[in-house]
């Protein structure tokens, strides 16, 4: 199995959309009543948090430099 780099921003975005799906599924199942506008701030907040997480992750990775054993391209940057 090929290894891939961990992207925490995508994890946060996926968690926000999963939470929105659970909220709507609970409403559809009759467990609770959800107003139609309740999911919009939930998803937008999750996307903003995912973006901030992605920016923070990228800045940390740039500051650390290339990993040992990572393939180097002709431009001197690591392959993504």
C-alpha atoms as a PDB file:
ATOM      1  CA  UNK A   1       0.000   0.000   0.000  1.00  0.00           C
ATOM      2  CA  UNK A   2       1.353   3.395  -0.960  1.00  0.00           C
ATOM      3  CA  UNK A   3       1.814   5.909   1.812  1.00  0.00           C
ATOM      4  CA  UNK A   4       0.512   9.413   1.401  1.00  0.00           C
ATOM      5  CA  UNK A   5       1.109  12.582   3.303  1.00  0.00           C
ATOM      6  CA  UNK A   6      -1.332  13.410   6.068  1.00  0.00           C
ATOM      7  CA  UNK A   7      -3.523  16.450   5.364  1.00  0.00           C
ATOM      8  CA  UNK A   8      -5.301  17.586   8.541  1.00  0.00           C
ATOM      9  CA  UNK A   9      -7.284  20.292   6.704  1.00  0.00           C
ATOM     10  CA  UNK A  10      -9.064  17.650   4.659  1.00  0.00           C
ATOM     11  CA  UNK A  11      -9.761  15.683   7.818  1.00  0.00           C
ATOM     12  CA  UNK A  12     -11.403  18.721   9.436  1.00  0.00           C
ATOM     13  CA  UNK A  13     -13.467  19.442   6.306  1.00  0.00           C
ATOM     14  CA  UNK A  14     -14.615  15.829   6.144  1.00  0.00           C
ATOM     15  CA  UNK A  15     -15.596  15.902   9.801  1.00  0.00           C
ATOM     16  CA  UNK A  16     -17.653  19.081   9.244  1.00  0.00           C
ATOM     17  CA  UNK A  17     -19.543  17.538   6.321  1.00  0.00           C
ATOM     18  CA  UNK A  18     -20.053  14.293   8.248  1.00  0.00           C
ATOM     19  CA  UNK A  19     -21.509  16.262  11.156  1.00  0.00           C
ATOM     20  CA  UNK A  20     -23.847  18.106   8.775  1.00  0.00           C
ATOM     21  CA  UNK A  21     -24.966  14.778   7.332  1.00  0.00           C
ATOM     22  CA  UNK A  22     -25.633  13.360  10.790  1.00  0.00           C
ATOM     23  CA  UNK A  23     -27.691  16.429  11.711  1.00  0.00           C
ATOM     24  CA  UNK A  24     -29.827  16.097   8.590  1.00  0.00           C
ATOM     25  CA  UNK A  25     -30.130  12.321   9.014  1.00  0.00           C
ATOM     26  CA  UNK A  26     -31.381  12.807  12.570  1.00  0.00           C
ATOM     27  CA  UNK A  27     -33.922  15.310  11.289  1.00  0.00           C
ATOM     28  CA  UNK A  28     -35.051  12.978   8.511  1.00  0.00           C
ATOM     29  CA  UNK A  29     -35.328  10.083  10.953  1.00  0.00           C
ATOM     30  CA  UNK A  30     -37.542  12.108  13.272  1.00  0.00           C
ATOM     31  CA  UNK A  31     -35.103  12.129  16.191  1.00  0.00           C
ATOM     32  CA  UNK A  32     -35.074  15.950  16.366  1.00  0.00           C
ATOM     33  CA  UNK A  33     -36.156  19.012  14.425  1.00  0.00           C
ATOM     34  CA  UNK A  34     -33.453  20.925  12.581  1.00  0.00           C
ATOM     35  CA  UNK A  35     -34.189  24.309  10.997  1.00  0.00           C
ATOM     36  CA  UNK A  36     -33.142  24.467   7.356  1.00  0.00           C
ATOM     37  CA  UNK A  37     -30.610  27.217   8.021  1.00  0.00           C
ATOM     38  CA  UNK A  38     -28.801  25.489  10.912  1.00  0.00           C
ATOM     39  CA  UNK A  39     -26.367  23.550   8.747  1.00  0.00           C
ATOM     40  CA  UNK A  40     -25.068  26.570   6.806  1.00  0.00           C
ATOM     41  CA  UNK A  41     -23.019  28.025   9.717  1.00  0.00           C
ATOM     42  CA  UNK A  42     -21.888  24.525  10.678  1.00  0.00           C
ATOM     43  CA  UNK A  43     -20.494  23.799   7.211  1.00  0.00           C
ATOM     44  CA  UNK A  44     -19.055  27.288   6.706  1.00  0.00           C
ATOM     45  CA  UNK A  45     -17.384  27.196  10.115  1.00  0.00           C
ATOM     46  CA  UNK A  46     -15.939  23.777   9.335  1.00  0.00           C
ATOM     47  CA  UNK A  47     -14.614  24.980   5.985  1.00  0.00           C
ATOM     48  CA  UNK A  48     -13.028  28.060   7.565  1.00  0.00           C
ATOM     49  CA  UNK A  49     -11.452  25.895  10.255  1.00  0.00           C
ATOM     50  CA  UNK A  50     -10.212  23.462   7.584  1.00  0.00           C
ATOM     51  CA  UNK A  51      -8.677  26.326   5.624  1.00  0.00           C
ATOM     52  CA  UNK A  52      -6.929  27.671   8.701  1.00  0.00           C
ATOM     53  CA  UNK A  53      -5.675  24.178   9.509  1.00  0.00           C
ATOM     54  CA  UNK A  54      -4.350  23.766   5.967  1.00  0.00           C
ATOM     55  CA  UNK A  55      -2.531  27.105   6.059  1.00  0.00           C
ATOM     56  CA  UNK A  56      -1.022  26.286   9.447  1.00  0.00           C
ATOM     57  CA  UNK A  57       0.069  22.840   8.258  1.00  0.00           C
ATOM     58  CA  UNK A  58       1.645  24.274   5.116  1.00  0.00           C
ATOM     59  CA  UNK A  59       3.547  26.914   7.073  1.00  0.00           C
ATOM     60  CA  UNK A  60       4.863  24.291   9.488  1.00  0.00           C
ATOM     61  CA  UNK A  61       5.968  22.048   6.622  1.00  0.00           C
ATOM     62  CA  UNK A  62       7.738  24.920   4.831  1.00  0.00           C
ATOM     63  CA  UNK A  63       9.543  25.922   7.986  1.00  0.00           C
ATOM     64  CA  UNK A  64      10.825  22.393   8.606  1.00  0.00           C
ATOM     65  CA  UNK A  65      12.159  21.958   5.066  1.00  0.00           C
ATOM     66  CA  UNK A  66      12.239  18.797   2.972  1.00  0.00           C
ATOM     67  CA  UNK A  67      12.028  15.437   4.658  1.00  0.00           C
ATOM     68  CA  UNK A  68      14.961  13.073   4.636  1.00  0.00           C
ATOM     69  CA  UNK A  69      14.695  10.534   1.838  1.00  0.00           C
ATOM     70  CA  UNK A  70      12.136  12.576  -0.085  1.00  0.00           C
ATOM     71  CA  UNK A  71      12.650  12.699  -3.854  1.00  0.00           C
ATOM     72  CA  UNK A  72      13.983  16.041  -5.069  1.00  0.00           C
ATOM     73  CA  UNK A  73      12.787  17.574  -8.341  1.00  0.00           C
ATOM     74  CA  UNK A  74      14.966  19.556 -10.741  1.00  0.00           C
ATOM     75  CA  UNK A  75      13.816  22.874  -9.201  1.00  0.00           C
ATOM     76  CA  UNK A  76      15.158  21.899  -5.774  1.00  0.00           C
ATOM     77  CA  UNK A  77      11.704  21.541  -4.197  1.00  0.00           C
ATOM     78  CA  UNK A  78      10.301  18.275  -2.891  1.00  0.00           C
ATOM     79  CA  UNK A  79       7.794  16.331  -4.959  1.00  0.00           C
ATOM     80  CA  UNK A  80       4.213  16.521  -3.776  1.00  0.00           C
END
